[in-house]
Amino acid sequence: MGTLLLIVVYFIVFLVQFSFVPAAFPFLVLPNLLFVLTILYLMVEDPDKKRGLFLAFFGGFLNDVVSTDVFGLYIFIFLISAYVLKFIFKYYVQLPFLQKV
């Protein structure tokens, strides 16, 4: 997938997460769809590529824009999670059933 297409997909998931998901789960804990999408992309990405880190930054930035927490908190969480997952998938885990992007 091209980077531009992934950014558009992230933006659509962002709109769904902050417009439809709160209406679907009014009193429950809301899932962070951008974080889930980032983890899924990191699972299928080649560990040597850096596109997943960019998408983690972009997803964290989108969460930070609408959150009332300290700006940069979600960027930090997404990037640290992405680095840890890249390290784990590069050195410890091989997923033969997933095709590398």
PDB file of N, CA and C in Angstrom:
ATOM      1  N   MET A   1       0.841  -1.186   0.000  1.00  0.00           N
ATOM      2  CA  MET A   1       0.000   0.000   0.000  1.00  0.00           C
ATOM      3  C   MET A   1       0.876   1.236   0.000  1.00  0.00           C
ATOM      4  N   GLY A   2       0.416   2.235  -0.708  1.00  0.00           N
ATOM      5  CA  GLY A   2       1.136   3.487  -0.695  1.00  0.00           C
ATOM      6  C   GLY A   2       0.911   4.243   0.604  1.00  0.00           C
ATOM      7  N   THR A   3       1.868   5.092   0.907  1.00  0.00           N
ATOM      8  CA  THR A   3       1.783   5.846   2.158  1.00  0.00           C
ATOM      9  C   THR A   3       0.566   6.763   2.160  1.00  0.00           C
ATOM     10  N   LEU A   4       0.271   7.365   1.025  1.00  0.00           N
ATOM     11  CA  LEU A   4      -0.887   8.264   0.951  1.00  0.00           C
ATOM     12  C   LEU A   4      -2.188   7.506   1.206  1.00  0.00           C
ATOM     13  N   LEU A   5      -2.300   6.313   0.660  1.00  0.00           N
ATOM     14  CA  LEU A   5      -3.504   5.501   0.893  1.00  0.00           C
ATOM     15  C   LEU A   5      -3.624   5.125   2.374  1.00  0.00           C
ATOM     16  N   LEU A   6      -2.517   4.792   2.998  1.00  0.00           N
ATOM     17  CA  LEU A   6      -2.551   4.470   4.427  1.00  0.00           C
ATOM     18  C   LEU A   6      -2.954   5.676   5.271  1.00  0.00           C
ATOM     19  N   ILE A   7      -2.495   6.862   4.898  1.00  0.00           N
ATOM     20  CA  ILE A   7      -2.884   8.072   5.623  1.00  0.00           C
ATOM     21  C   ILE A   7      -4.381   8.314   5.479  1.00  0.00           C
ATOM     22  N   VAL A   8      -4.925   8.089   4.286  1.00  0.00           N
ATOM     23  CA  VAL A   8      -6.365   8.251   4.074  1.00  0.00           C
ATOM     24  C   VAL A   8      -7.141   7.231   4.900  1.00  0.00           C
ATOM     25  N   VAL A   9      -6.664   5.988   4.949  1.00  0.00           N
ATOM     26  CA  VAL A   9      -7.325   4.955   5.761  1.00  0.00           C
ATOM     27  C   VAL A   9      -7.272   5.340   7.232  1.00  0.00           C
ATOM     28  N   TYR A  10      -6.130   5.843   7.710  1.00  0.00           N
ATOM     29  CA  TYR A  10      -6.019   6.285   9.098  1.00  0.00           C
ATOM     30  C   TYR A  10      -6.990   7.415   9.399  1.00  0.00           C
ATOM     31  N   PHE A  11      -7.114   8.350   8.474  1.00  0.00           N
ATOM     32  CA  PHE A  11      -8.021   9.469   8.694  1.00  0.00           C
ATOM     33  C   PHE A  11      -9.473   9.003   8.745  1.00  0.00           C
ATOM     34  N   ILE A  12      -9.840   8.051   7.887  1.00  0.00           N
ATOM     35  CA  ILE A  12     -11.209   7.511   7.912  1.00  0.00           C
ATOM     36  C   ILE A  12     -11.466   6.773   9.227  1.00  0.00           C
ATOM     37  N   VAL A  13     -10.499   5.969   9.678  1.00  0.00           N
ATOM     38  CA  VAL A  13     -10.650   5.270  10.954  1.00  0.00           C
ATOM     39  C   VAL A  13     -10.724   6.274  12.099  1.00  0.00           C
ATOM     40  N   PHE A  14      -9.962   7.360  12.011  1.00  0.00           N
ATOM     41  CA  PHE A  14     -10.015   8.431  13.002  1.00  0.00           C
ATOM     42  C   PHE A  14     -11.423   9.027  13.072  1.00  0.00           C
ATOM     43  N   LEU A  15     -12.021   9.310  11.922  1.00  0.00           N
ATOM     44  CA  LEU A  15     -13.376   9.864  11.902  1.00  0.00           C
ATOM     45  C   LEU A  15     -14.386   8.885  12.486  1.00  0.00           C
ATOM     46  N   VAL A  16     -14.242   7.622  12.161  1.00  0.00           N
ATOM     47  CA  VAL A  16     -15.142   6.607  12.704  1.00  0.00           C
ATOM     48  C   VAL A  16     -14.966   6.494  14.215  1.00  0.00           C
ATOM     49  N   GLN A  17     -13.712   6.512  14.664  1.00  0.00           N
ATOM     50  CA  GLN A  17     -13.436   6.345  16.093  1.00  0.00           C
ATOM     51  C   GLN A  17     -14.021   7.475  16.924  1.00  0.00           C
ATOM     52  N   PHE A  18     -13.967   8.684  16.438  1.00  0.00           N
ATOM     53  CA  PHE A  18     -14.409   9.800  17.255  1.00  0.00           C
ATOM     54  C   PHE A  18     -15.802  10.311  16.906  1.00  0.00           C
ATOM     55  N   SER A  19     -16.480   9.659  15.957  1.00  0.00           N
ATOM     56  CA  SER A  19     -17.849  10.076  15.666  1.00  0.00           C
ATOM     57  C   SER A  19     -18.862   8.953  15.878  1.00  0.00           C
ATOM     58  N   PHE A  20     -18.575   7.748  15.423  1.00  0.00           N
ATOM     59  CA  PHE A  20     -19.550   6.661  15.516  1.00  0.00           C
ATOM     60  C   PHE A  20     -19.334   5.732  16.702  1.00  0.00           C
ATOM     61  N   VAL A  21     -18.103   5.480  17.062  1.00  0.00           N
ATOM     62  CA  VAL A  21     -17.830   4.534  18.143  1.00  0.00           C
ATOM     63  C   VAL A  21     -18.391   5.013  19.483  1.00  0.00           C
ATOM     64  N   PRO A  22     -18.274   6.309  19.847  1.00  0.00           N
ATOM     65  CA  PRO A  22     -18.886   6.726  21.127  1.00  0.00           C
ATOM     66  C   PRO A  22     -20.401   6.552  21.152  1.00  0.00           C
ATOM     67  N   ALA A  23     -21.052   6.654  20.006  1.00  0.00           N
ATOM     68  CA  ALA A  23     -22.494   6.436  19.955  1.00  0.00           C
ATOM     69  C   ALA A  23     -22.835   4.947  20.066  1.00  0.00           C
ATOM     70  N   ALA A  24     -21.954   4.091  19.568  1.00  0.00           N
ATOM     71  CA  ALA A  24     -22.208   2.652  19.617  1.00  0.00           C
ATOM     72  C   ALA A  24     -21.930   2.074  21.002  1.00  0.00           C
ATOM     73  N   PHE A  25     -20.985   2.650  21.734  1.00  0.00           N
ATOM     74  CA  PHE A  25     -20.622   2.184  23.074  1.00  0.00           C
ATOM     75  C   PHE A  25     -20.753   3.345  24.057  1.00  0.00           C
ATOM     76  N   PRO A  26     -21.971   3.744  24.421  1.00  0.00           N
ATOM     77  CA  PRO A  26     -22.110   4.967  25.220  1.00  0.00           C
ATOM     78  C   PRO A  26     -21.555   4.874  26.634  1.00  0.00           C
ATOM     79  N   PHE A  27     -21.615   3.724  27.280  1.00  0.00           N
ATOM     80  CA  PHE A  27     -21.169   3.626  28.670  1.00  0.00           C
ATOM     81  C   PHE A  27     -20.021   2.641  28.858  1.00  0.00           C
ATOM     82  N   LEU A  28     -19.476   2.150  27.781  1.00  0.00           N
ATOM     83  CA  LEU A  28     -18.416   1.164  27.870  1.00  0.00           C
ATOM     84  C   LEU A  28     -17.067   1.818  27.589  1.00  0.00           C
ATOM     85  N   VAL A  29     -16.024   1.076  27.831  1.00  0.00           N
ATOM     86  CA  VAL A  29     -14.686   1.536  27.479  1.00  0.00           C
ATOM     87  C   VAL A  29     -14.575   1.532  25.957  1.00  0.00           C
ATOM     88  N   LEU A  30     -14.101   2.630  25.400  1.00  0.00           N
ATOM     89  CA  LEU A  30     -14.027   2.755  23.948  1.00  0.00           C
ATOM     90  C   LEU A  30     -12.725   2.168  23.416  1.00  0.00           C
ATOM     91  N   PRO A  31     -12.801   1.378  22.351  1.00  0.00           N
ATOM     92  CA  PRO A  31     -11.572   0.852  21.764  1.00  0.00           C
ATOM     93  C   PRO A  31     -10.843   1.949  20.988  1.00  0.00           C
ATOM     94  N   ASN A  32      -9.532   1.901  21.019  1.00  0.00           N
ATOM     95  CA  ASN A  32      -8.729   2.845  20.259  1.00  0.00           C
ATOM     96  C   ASN A  32      -8.411   2.191  18.921  1.00  0.00           C
ATOM     97  N   LEU A  33      -9.211   2.485  17.925  1.00  0.00           N
ATOM     98  CA  LEU A  33      -9.090   1.832  16.624  1.00  0.00           C
ATOM     99  C   LEU A  33      -7.794   2.188  15.917  1.00  0.00           C
ATOM    100  N   LEU A  34      -7.297   3.395  16.122  1.00  0.00           N
ATOM    101  CA  LEU A  34      -6.030   3.786  15.494  1.00  0.00           C
ATOM    102  C   LEU A  34      -4.866   2.966  16.054  1.00  0.00           C
ATOM    103  N   PHE A  35      -4.907   2.701  17.345  1.00  0.00           N
ATOM    104  CA  PHE A  35      -3.858   1.886  17.953  1.00  0.00           C
ATOM    105  C   PHE A  35      -3.920   0.451  17.434  1.00  0.00           C
ATOM    106  N   VAL A  36      -5.117  -0.081  17.318  1.00  0.00           N
ATOM    107  CA  VAL A  36      -5.293  -1.437  16.798  1.00  0.00           C
ATOM    108  C   VAL A  36      -4.816  -1.513  15.350  1.00  0.00           C
ATOM    109  N   LEU A  37      -5.151  -0.514  14.548  1.00  0.00           N
ATOM    110  CA  LEU A  37      -4.718  -0.486  13.155  1.00  0.00           C
ATOM    111  C   LEU A  37      -3.199  -0.378  13.059  1.00  0.00           C
ATOM    112  N   THR A  38      -2.591   0.391  13.939  1.00  0.00           N
ATOM    113  CA  THR A  38      -1.139   0.508  13.952  1.00  0.00           C
ATOM    114  C   THR A  38      -0.482  -0.825  14.287  1.00  0.00           C
ATOM    115  N   ILE A  39      -1.005  -1.518  15.283  1.00  0.00           N
ATOM    116  CA  ILE A  39      -0.448  -2.818  15.661  1.00  0.00           C
ATOM    117  C   ILE A  39      -0.606  -3.822  14.526  1.00  0.00           C
ATOM    118  N   LEU A  40      -1.773  -3.833  13.883  1.00  0.00           N
ATOM    119  CA  LEU A  40      -1.977  -4.766  12.773  1.00  0.00           C
ATOM    120  C   LEU A  40      -1.037  -4.471  11.618  1.00  0.00           C
ATOM    121  N   TYR A  41      -0.813  -3.197  11.335  1.00  0.00           N
ATOM    122  CA  TYR A  41       0.107  -2.860  10.250  1.00  0.00           C
ATOM    123  C   TYR A  41       1.541  -3.257  10.611  1.00  0.00           C
ATOM    124  N   LEU A  42       1.937  -3.042  11.853  1.00  0.00           N
ATOM    125  CA  LEU A  42       3.288  -3.418  12.270  1.00  0.00           C
ATOM    126  C   LEU A  42       3.499  -4.925  12.212  1.00  0.00           C
ATOM    127  N   MET A  43       2.428  -5.697  12.380  1.00  0.00           N
ATOM    128  CA  MET A  43       2.551  -7.149  12.305  1.00  0.00           C
ATOM    129  C   MET A  43       2.877  -7.618  10.893  1.00  0.00           C
ATOM    130  N   VAL A  44       2.353  -6.954   9.887  1.00  0.00           N
ATOM    131  CA  VAL A  44       2.557  -7.414   8.515  1.00  0.00           C
ATOM    132  C   VAL A  44       3.672  -6.664   7.803  1.00  0.00           C
ATOM    133  N   GLU A  45       4.195  -5.620   8.426  1.00  0.00           N
ATOM    134  CA  GLU A  45       5.257  -4.848   7.779  1.00  0.00           C
ATOM    135  C   GLU A  45       6.599  -5.533   7.977  1.00  0.00           C
ATOM    136  N   ASP A  46       7.474  -5.362   7.001  1.00  0.00           N
ATOM    137  CA  ASP A  46       8.841  -5.835   7.122  1.00  0.00           C
ATOM    138  C   ASP A  46       9.513  -5.088   8.280  1.00  0.00           C
ATOM    139  N   PRO A  47      10.157  -5.788   9.212  1.00  0.00           N
ATOM    140  CA  PRO A  47      10.737  -5.112  10.387  1.00  0.00           C
ATOM    141  C   PRO A  47      11.796  -4.074  10.056  1.00  0.00           C
ATOM    142  N   ASP A  48      12.379  -4.128   8.879  1.00  0.00           N
ATOM    143  CA  ASP A  48      13.415  -3.163   8.517  1.00  0.00           C
ATOM    144  C   ASP A  48      12.849  -1.870   7.946  1.00  0.00           C
ATOM    145  N   LYS A  49      11.586  -1.864   7.579  1.00  0.00           N
ATOM    146  CA  LYS A  49      10.977  -0.651   7.026  1.00  0.00           C
ATOM    147  C   LYS A  49      10.534   0.287   8.139  1.00  0.00           C
ATOM    148  N   LYS A  50      10.411   1.558   7.816  1.00  0.00           N
ATOM    149  CA  LYS A  50      10.086   2.579   8.817  1.00  0.00           C
ATOM    150  C   LYS A  50       8.683   3.169   8.649  1.00  0.00           C
ATOM    151  N   ARG A  51       7.908   2.669   7.713  1.00  0.00           N
ATOM    152  CA  ARG A  51       6.582   3.224   7.470  1.00  0.00           C
ATOM    153  C   ARG A  51       5.664   3.049   8.668  1.00  0.00           C
ATOM    154  N   GLY A  52       5.789   1.958   9.386  1.00  0.00           N
ATOM    155  CA  GLY A  52       4.969   1.721  10.570  1.00  0.00           C
ATOM    156  C   GLY A  52       5.226   2.746  11.657  1.00  0.00           C
ATOM    157  N   LEU A  53       6.476   3.199  11.771  1.00  0.00           N
ATOM    158  CA  LEU A  53       6.791   4.235  12.756  1.00  0.00           C
ATOM    159  C   LEU A  53       6.141   5.559  12.377  1.00  0.00           C
ATOM    160  N   PHE A  54       6.162   5.867  11.086  1.00  0.00           N
ATOM    161  CA  PHE A  54       5.492   7.085  10.627  1.00  0.00           C
ATOM    162  C   PHE A  54       3.994   7.009  10.895  1.00  0.00           C
ATOM    163  N   LEU A  55       3.402   5.856  10.636  1.00  0.00           N
ATOM    164  CA  LEU A  55       1.964   5.703  10.878  1.00  0.00           C
ATOM    165  C   LEU A  55       1.650   5.742  12.370  1.00  0.00           C
ATOM    166  N   ALA A  56       2.547   5.238  13.195  1.00  0.00           N
ATOM    167  CA  ALA A  56       2.350   5.331  14.647  1.00  0.00           C
ATOM    168  C   ALA A  56       2.382   6.795  15.077  1.00  0.00           C
ATOM    169  N   PHE A  57       3.312   7.564  14.528  1.00  0.00           N
ATOM    170  CA  PHE A  57       3.367   8.992  14.845  1.00  0.00           C
ATOM    171  C   PHE A  57       2.092   9.692  14.387  1.00  0.00           C
ATOM    172  N   PHE A  58       1.646   9.391  13.172  1.00  0.00           N
ATOM    173  CA  PHE A  58       0.442  10.027  12.625  1.00  0.00           C
ATOM    174  C   PHE A  58      -0.795   9.652  13.436  1.00  0.00           C
ATOM    175  N   GLY A  59      -0.926   8.385  13.810  1.00  0.00           N
ATOM    176  CA  GLY A  59      -2.063   7.962  14.632  1.00  0.00           C
ATOM    177  C   GLY A  59      -2.046   8.606  16.008  1.00  0.00           C
ATOM    178  N   GLY A  60      -0.867   8.706  16.611  1.00  0.00           N
ATOM    179  CA  GLY A  60      -0.748   9.377  17.897  1.00  0.00           C
ATOM    180  C   GLY A  60      -1.062  10.858  17.787  1.00  0.00           C
ATOM    181  N   PHE A  61      -0.636  11.475  16.686  1.00  0.00           N
ATOM    182  CA  PHE A  61      -0.933  12.891  16.472  1.00  0.00           C
ATOM    183  C   PHE A  61      -2.439  13.118  16.347  1.00  0.00           C
ATOM    184  N   LEU A  62      -3.117  12.262  15.592  1.00  0.00           N
ATOM    185  CA  LEU A  62      -4.567  12.411  15.448  1.00  0.00           C
ATOM    186  C   LEU A  62      -5.272  12.241  16.794  1.00  0.00           C
ATOM    187  N   ASN A  63      -4.824  11.299  17.607  1.00  0.00           N
ATOM    188  CA  ASN A  63      -5.415  11.138  18.942  1.00  0.00           C
ATOM    189  C   ASN A  63      -5.127  12.347  19.812  1.00  0.00           C
ATOM    190  N   ASP A  64      -3.933  12.905  19.721  1.00  0.00           N
ATOM    191  CA  ASP A  64      -3.575  14.074  20.526  1.00  0.00           C
ATOM    192  C   ASP A  64      -4.384  15.302  20.148  1.00  0.00           C
ATOM    193  N   VAL A  65      -4.742  15.421  18.892  1.00  0.00           N
ATOM    194  CA  VAL A  65      -5.489  16.601  18.439  1.00  0.00           C
ATOM    195  C   VAL A  65      -6.838  16.699  19.138  1.00  0.00           C
ATOM    196  N   VAL A  66      -7.490  15.569  19.383  1.00  0.00           N
ATOM    197  CA  VAL A  66      -8.830  15.607  19.963  1.00  0.00           C
ATOM    198  C   VAL A  66      -8.861  15.284  21.455  1.00  0.00           C
ATOM    199  N   SER A  67      -7.729  14.896  22.027  1.00  0.00           N
ATOM    200  CA  SER A  67      -7.749  14.536  23.447  1.00  0.00           C
ATOM    201  C   SER A  67      -7.537  15.773  24.312  1.00  0.00           C
ATOM    202  N   THR A  68      -7.915  15.649  25.569  1.00  0.00           N
ATOM    203  CA  THR A  68      -7.735  16.749  26.507  1.00  0.00           C
ATOM    204  C   THR A  68      -6.506  16.530  27.383  1.00  0.00           C
ATOM    205  N   ASP A  69      -5.743  15.482  27.108  1.00  0.00           N
ATOM    206  CA  ASP A  69      -4.524  15.209  27.863  1.00  0.00           C
ATOM    207  C   ASP A  69      -3.389  16.096  27.354  1.00  0.00           C
ATOM    208  N   VAL A  70      -2.236  15.920  27.932  1.00  0.00           N
ATOM    209  CA  VAL A  70      -1.052  16.656  27.513  1.00  0.00           C
ATOM    210  C   VAL A  70      -0.745  16.324  26.060  1.00  0.00           C
ATOM    211  N   PHE A  71      -0.484  17.354  25.257  1.00  0.00           N
ATOM    212  CA  PHE A  71      -0.197  17.104  23.841  1.00  0.00           C
ATOM    213  C   PHE A  71       1.127  16.354  23.710  1.00  0.00           C
ATOM    214  N   GLY A  72       1.100  15.288  22.951  1.00  0.00           N
ATOM    215  CA  GLY A  72       2.277  14.464  22.750  1.00  0.00           C
ATOM    216  C   GLY A  72       2.214  13.150  23.495  1.00  0.00           C
ATOM    217  N   LEU A  73       1.252  13.003  24.387  1.00  0.00           N
ATOM    218  CA  LEU A  73       1.144  11.773  25.166  1.00  0.00           C
ATOM    219  C   LEU A  73       0.852  10.576  24.260  1.00  0.00           C
ATOM    220  N   TYR A  74      -0.115  10.714  23.375  1.00  0.00           N
ATOM    221  CA  TYR A  74      -0.459   9.600  22.484  1.00  0.00           C
ATOM    222  C   TYR A  74       0.632   9.356  21.449  1.00  0.00           C
ATOM    223  N   ILE A  75       1.283  10.408  21.008  1.00  0.00           N
ATOM    224  CA  ILE A  75       2.412  10.215  20.092  1.00  0.00           C
ATOM    225  C   ILE A  75       3.483   9.372  20.777  1.00  0.00           C
ATOM    226  N   PHE A  76       3.785   9.716  22.016  1.00  0.00           N
ATOM    227  CA  PHE A  76       4.782   8.962  22.778  1.00  0.00           C
ATOM    228  C   PHE A  76       4.358   7.511  22.955  1.00  0.00           C
ATOM    229  N   ILE A  77       3.117   7.281  23.332  1.00  0.00           N
ATOM    230  CA  ILE A  77       2.627   5.918  23.551  1.00  0.00           C
ATOM    231  C   ILE A  77       2.667   5.110  22.257  1.00  0.00           C
ATOM    232  N   PHE A  78       2.203   5.697  21.173  1.00  0.00           N
ATOM    233  CA  PHE A  78       2.181   4.983  19.894  1.00  0.00           C
ATOM    234  C   PHE A  78       3.596   4.672  19.418  1.00  0.00           C
ATOM    235  N   LEU A  79       4.514   5.645  19.528  1.00  0.00           N
ATOM    236  CA  LEU A  79       5.878   5.420  19.041  1.00  0.00           C
ATOM    237  C   LEU A  79       6.629   4.403  19.895  1.00  0.00           C
ATOM    238  N   ILE A  80       6.492   4.476  21.202  1.00  0.00           N
ATOM    239  CA  ILE A  80       7.159   3.485  22.063  1.00  0.00           C
ATOM    240  C   ILE A  80       6.611   2.089  21.774  1.00  0.00           C
ATOM    241  N   SER A  81       5.310   1.982  21.627  1.00  0.00           N
ATOM    242  CA  SER A  81       4.712   0.680  21.305  1.00  0.00           C
ATOM    243  C   SER A  81       5.203   0.176  19.951  1.00  0.00           C
ATOM    244  N   ALA A  82       5.301   1.065  18.980  1.00  0.00           N
ATOM    245  CA  ALA A  82       5.762   0.661  17.653  1.00  0.00           C
ATOM    246  C   ALA A  82       7.217   0.203  17.696  1.00  0.00           C
ATOM    247  N   TYR A  83       8.076   0.926  18.410  1.00  0.00           N
ATOM    248  CA  TYR A  83       9.479   0.512  18.521  1.00  0.00           C
ATOM    249  C   TYR A  83       9.611  -0.845  19.211  1.00  0.00           C
ATOM    250  N   VAL A  84       8.861  -1.051  20.271  1.00  0.00           N
ATOM    251  CA  VAL A  84       8.922  -2.328  20.985  1.00  0.00           C
ATOM    252  C   VAL A  84       8.422  -3.459  20.091  1.00  0.00           C
ATOM    253  N   LEU A  85       7.320  -3.235  19.387  1.00  0.00           N
ATOM    254  CA  LEU A  85       6.792  -4.277  18.502  1.00  0.00           C
ATOM    255  C   LEU A  85       7.744  -4.559  17.347  1.00  0.00           C
ATOM    256  N   LYS A  86       8.357  -3.529  16.781  1.00  0.00           N
ATOM    257  CA  LYS A  86       9.328  -3.747  15.711  1.00  0.00           C
ATOM    258  C   LYS A  86      10.512  -4.560  16.217  1.00  0.00           C
ATOM    259  N   PHE A  87      10.984  -4.252  17.414  1.00  0.00           N
ATOM    260  CA  PHE A  87      12.090  -5.006  17.990  1.00  0.00           C
ATOM    261  C   PHE A  87      11.703  -6.464  18.202  1.00  0.00           C
ATOM    262  N   ILE A  88      10.518  -6.690  18.764  1.00  0.00           N
ATOM    263  CA  ILE A  88      10.061  -8.059  19.022  1.00  0.00           C
ATOM    264  C   ILE A  88       9.875  -8.822  17.725  1.00  0.00           C
ATOM    265  N   PHE A  89       9.241  -8.206  16.733  1.00  0.00           N
ATOM    266  CA  PHE A  89       9.001  -8.903  15.470  1.00  0.00           C
ATOM    267  C   PHE A  89      10.280  -9.106  14.672  1.00  0.00           C
ATOM    268  N   LYS A  90      11.277  -8.269  14.882  1.00  0.00           N
ATOM    269  CA  LYS A  90      12.526  -8.421  14.136  1.00  0.00           C
ATOM    270  C   LYS A  90      13.392  -9.540  14.708  1.00  0.00           C
ATOM    271  N   TYR A  91      13.465  -9.645  16.032  1.00  0.00           N
ATOM    272  CA  TYR A  91      14.410 -10.570  16.633  1.00  0.00           C
ATOM    273  C   TYR A  91      13.792 -11.816  17.261  1.00  0.00           C
ATOM    274  N   TYR A  92      12.516 -11.793  17.608  1.00  0.00           N
ATOM    275  CA  TYR A  92      11.961 -12.907  18.365  1.00  0.00           C
ATOM    276  C   TYR A  92      10.784 -13.624  17.706  1.00  0.00           C
ATOM    277  N   VAL A  93      10.041 -12.950  16.875  1.00  0.00           N
ATOM    278  CA  VAL A  93       8.813 -13.535  16.336  1.00  0.00           C
ATOM    279  C   VAL A  93       8.878 -13.562  14.818  1.00  0.00           C
ATOM    280  N   GLN A  94       8.532 -14.696  14.254  1.00  0.00           N
ATOM    281  CA  GLN A  94       8.372 -14.816  12.813  1.00  0.00           C
ATOM    282  C   GLN A  94       6.957 -15.327  12.566  1.00  0.00           C
ATOM    283  N   LEU A  95       6.215 -14.578  11.801  1.00  0.00           N
ATOM    284  CA  LEU A  95       4.838 -14.958  11.495  1.00  0.00           C
ATOM    285  C   LEU A  95       4.783 -15.461  10.059  1.00  0.00           C
ATOM    286  N   PRO A  96       4.887 -16.779   9.858  1.00  0.00           N
ATOM    287  CA  PRO A  96       4.938 -17.288   8.496  1.00  0.00           C
ATOM    288  C   PRO A  96       3.603 -17.192   7.754  1.00  0.00           C
ATOM    289  N   PHE A  97       2.505 -17.053   8.472  1.00  0.00           N
ATOM    290  CA  PHE A  97       1.199 -17.000   7.821  1.00  0.00           C
ATOM    291  C   PHE A  97       0.849 -15.595   7.354  1.00  0.00           C
ATOM    292  N   LEU A  98       1.622 -14.603   7.754  1.00  0.00           N
ATOM    293  CA  LEU A  98       1.380 -13.232   7.300  1.00  0.00           C
ATOM    294  C   LEU A  98       2.398 -12.866   6.232  1.00  0.00           C
ATOM    295  N   GLN A  99       1.895 -12.309   5.139  1.00  0.00           N
ATOM    296  CA  GLN A  99       2.785 -11.876   4.080  1.00  0.00           C
ATOM    297  C   GLN A  99       3.338 -10.507   4.429  1.00  0.00           C
ATOM    298  N   LYS A 100       4.637 -10.340   4.289  1.00  0.00           N
ATOM    299  CA  LYS A 100       5.269  -9.066   4.598  1.00  0.00           C
ATOM    300  C   LYS A 100       4.924  -8.034   3.532  1.00  0.00           C
ATOM    301  N   VAL A 101       4.636  -6.808   3.984  1.00  0.00           N
ATOM    302  CA  VAL A 101       4.279  -5.720   3.070  1.00  0.00           C
ATOM    303  C   VAL A 101       5.540  -5.117   2.519  1.00  0.00           C
TER     304      VAL A 101
END
